């Protein structure tokens, strides 16, 4: 299966997700968040820098739980139109 290229909006949403995760991490190191979430350190770094703009749902959920971010907050903050709905 060939995956279609990401749109600029999808790439931007990935950058915003990374920024939100970095902000929520605060003074914790990436290694601490990696250990707490079960997400590899390399995957976390790629997500935080926007190099993986569309991480898997369970990866995002694990990071959100480890950082104490409700998933509905992520949904609201990453929604393109502010309506709380993410587009695929």
C-alpha atoms as a PDB file:
ATOM      1  CA  UNK A   1       0.000   0.000   0.000  1.00  0.00           C
ATOM      2  CA  UNK A   2       1.341   3.389  -0.954  1.00  0.00           C
ATOM      3  CA  UNK A   3       0.677   6.169   1.492  1.00  0.00           C
ATOM      4  CA  UNK A   4      -0.237   9.518  -0.063  1.00  0.00           C
ATOM      5  CA  UNK A   5       2.061  12.427   0.765  1.00  0.00           C
ATOM      6  CA  UNK A   6       1.156  14.467   3.806  1.00  0.00           C
ATOM      7  CA  UNK A   7      -0.520  17.794   3.244  1.00  0.00           C
ATOM      8  CA  UNK A   8       1.007  20.999   4.574  1.00  0.00           C
ATOM      9  CA  UNK A   9      -1.809  21.104   7.150  1.00  0.00           C
ATOM     10  CA  UNK A  10      -0.929  17.602   8.376  1.00  0.00           C
ATOM     11  CA  UNK A  11       2.734  18.521   8.675  1.00  0.00           C
ATOM     12  CA  UNK A  12       1.829  21.704  10.574  1.00  0.00           C
ATOM     13  CA  UNK A  13      -0.430  19.740  12.923  1.00  0.00           C
ATOM     14  CA  UNK A  14       2.530  17.413  13.597  1.00  0.00           C
ATOM     15  CA  UNK A  15       4.736  20.386  14.448  1.00  0.00           C
ATOM     16  CA  UNK A  16       2.046  21.721  16.808  1.00  0.00           C
ATOM     17  CA  UNK A  17       1.721  18.311  18.464  1.00  0.00           C
ATOM     18  CA  UNK A  18       5.476  18.221  19.033  1.00  0.00           C
ATOM     19  CA  UNK A  19       5.433  21.703  20.521  1.00  0.00           C
ATOM     20  CA  UNK A  20       2.565  20.785  22.866  1.00  0.00           C
ATOM     21  CA  UNK A  21       4.402  17.679  24.058  1.00  0.00           C
ATOM     22  CA  UNK A  22       7.653  19.593  24.616  1.00  0.00           C
ATOM     23  CA  UNK A  23       5.780  22.255  26.573  1.00  0.00           C
ATOM     24  CA  UNK A  24       3.979  19.653  28.699  1.00  0.00           C
ATOM     25  CA  UNK A  25       7.277  17.850  29.367  1.00  0.00           C
ATOM     26  CA  UNK A  26       8.508  20.952  31.197  1.00  0.00           C
ATOM     27  CA  UNK A  27      11.703  20.222  33.078  1.00  0.00           C
ATOM     28  CA  UNK A  28      11.473  16.455  32.625  1.00  0.00           C
ATOM     29  CA  UNK A  29      14.018  14.978  30.285  1.00  0.00           C
ATOM     30  CA  UNK A  30      12.969  13.162  27.129  1.00  0.00           C
ATOM     31  CA  UNK A  31      14.400   9.983  28.671  1.00  0.00           C
ATOM     32  CA  UNK A  32      12.112  10.341  31.704  1.00  0.00           C
ATOM     33  CA  UNK A  33       9.044  10.771  29.510  1.00  0.00           C
ATOM     34  CA  UNK A  34      10.152   7.886  27.309  1.00  0.00           C
ATOM     35  CA  UNK A  35      10.462   5.580  30.304  1.00  0.00           C
ATOM     36  CA  UNK A  36       7.139   6.698  31.785  1.00  0.00           C
ATOM     37  CA  UNK A  37       5.250   6.284  28.520  1.00  0.00           C
ATOM     38  CA  UNK A  38       6.909   3.214  27.053  1.00  0.00           C
ATOM     39  CA  UNK A  39       7.569   5.163  23.844  1.00  0.00           C
ATOM     40  CA  UNK A  40      11.137   4.898  22.615  1.00  0.00           C
ATOM     41  CA  UNK A  41      13.359   7.883  23.149  1.00  0.00           C
ATOM     42  CA  UNK A  42      14.049   8.139  19.416  1.00  0.00           C
ATOM     43  CA  UNK A  43      10.321   8.091  18.592  1.00  0.00           C
ATOM     44  CA  UNK A  44       9.664  10.784  21.184  1.00  0.00           C
ATOM     45  CA  UNK A  45      12.419  12.967  19.762  1.00  0.00           C
ATOM     46  CA  UNK A  46      11.069  12.556  16.236  1.00  0.00           C
ATOM     47  CA  UNK A  47       7.546  13.435  17.334  1.00  0.00           C
ATOM     48  CA  UNK A  48       8.698  16.470  19.332  1.00  0.00           C
ATOM     49  CA  UNK A  49      10.660  17.814  16.367  1.00  0.00           C
ATOM     50  CA  UNK A  50       7.889  17.167  13.845  1.00  0.00           C
ATOM     51  CA  UNK A  51       9.852  14.525  11.929  1.00  0.00           C
ATOM     52  CA  UNK A  52       6.972  12.104  12.629  1.00  0.00           C
ATOM     53  CA  UNK A  53       3.948  14.336  12.060  1.00  0.00           C
ATOM     54  CA  UNK A  54       1.354  11.541  12.237  1.00  0.00           C
ATOM     55  CA  UNK A  55       2.300   9.210  15.104  1.00  0.00           C
ATOM     56  CA  UNK A  56       0.076   6.250  15.901  1.00  0.00           C
ATOM     57  CA  UNK A  57      -2.900   6.873  18.172  1.00  0.00           C
ATOM     58  CA  UNK A  58      -1.625   4.617  20.953  1.00  0.00           C
ATOM     59  CA  UNK A  59       1.742   6.370  20.877  1.00  0.00           C
ATOM     60  CA  UNK A  60       0.053   9.743  21.352  1.00  0.00           C
ATOM     61  CA  UNK A  61      -2.213   8.297  24.043  1.00  0.00           C
ATOM     62  CA  UNK A  62       0.757   6.858  25.964  1.00  0.00           C
ATOM     63  CA  UNK A  63       2.628  10.162  25.795  1.00  0.00           C
ATOM     64  CA  UNK A  64      -0.467  12.123  26.809  1.00  0.00           C
ATOM     65  CA  UNK A  65      -1.017   9.859  29.813  1.00  0.00           C
ATOM     66  CA  UNK A  66       2.631  10.104  30.903  1.00  0.00           C
ATOM     67  CA  UNK A  67       2.494  13.898  30.599  1.00  0.00           C
ATOM     68  CA  UNK A  68      -0.921  14.300  32.215  1.00  0.00           C
ATOM     69  CA  UNK A  69      -2.529  15.769  29.096  1.00  0.00           C
ATOM     70  CA  UNK A  70      -6.177  14.811  28.503  1.00  0.00           C
ATOM     71  CA  UNK A  71      -6.702  13.544  24.956  1.00  0.00           C
ATOM     72  CA  UNK A  72      -9.636  15.913  24.503  1.00  0.00           C
ATOM     73  CA  UNK A  73      -7.291  18.832  25.176  1.00  0.00           C
ATOM     74  CA  UNK A  74      -4.927  17.613  22.457  1.00  0.00           C
ATOM     75  CA  UNK A  75      -7.859  17.200  20.098  1.00  0.00           C
ATOM     76  CA  UNK A  76      -9.091  20.716  20.796  1.00  0.00           C
ATOM     77  CA  UNK A  77      -5.664  22.310  20.484  1.00  0.00           C
ATOM     78  CA  UNK A  78      -4.783  20.493  17.272  1.00  0.00           C
ATOM     79  CA  UNK A  79      -8.123  20.916  15.505  1.00  0.00           C
ATOM     80  CA  UNK A  80      -7.648  22.943  12.307  1.00  0.00           C
ATOM     81  CA  UNK A  81     -10.848  24.942  12.693  1.00  0.00           C
ATOM     82  CA  UNK A  82     -11.035  25.062  16.465  1.00  0.00           C
ATOM     83  CA  UNK A  83     -14.137  22.855  16.430  1.00  0.00           C
ATOM     84  CA  UNK A  84     -12.452  19.981  18.237  1.00  0.00           C
ATOM     85  CA  UNK A  85     -12.563  17.658  15.235  1.00  0.00           C
ATOM     86  CA  UNK A  86      -9.386  16.358  13.685  1.00  0.00           C
ATOM     87  CA  UNK A  87      -9.392  15.543  10.011  1.00  0.00           C
ATOM     88  CA  UNK A  88      -7.762  12.398   8.742  1.00  0.00           C
END
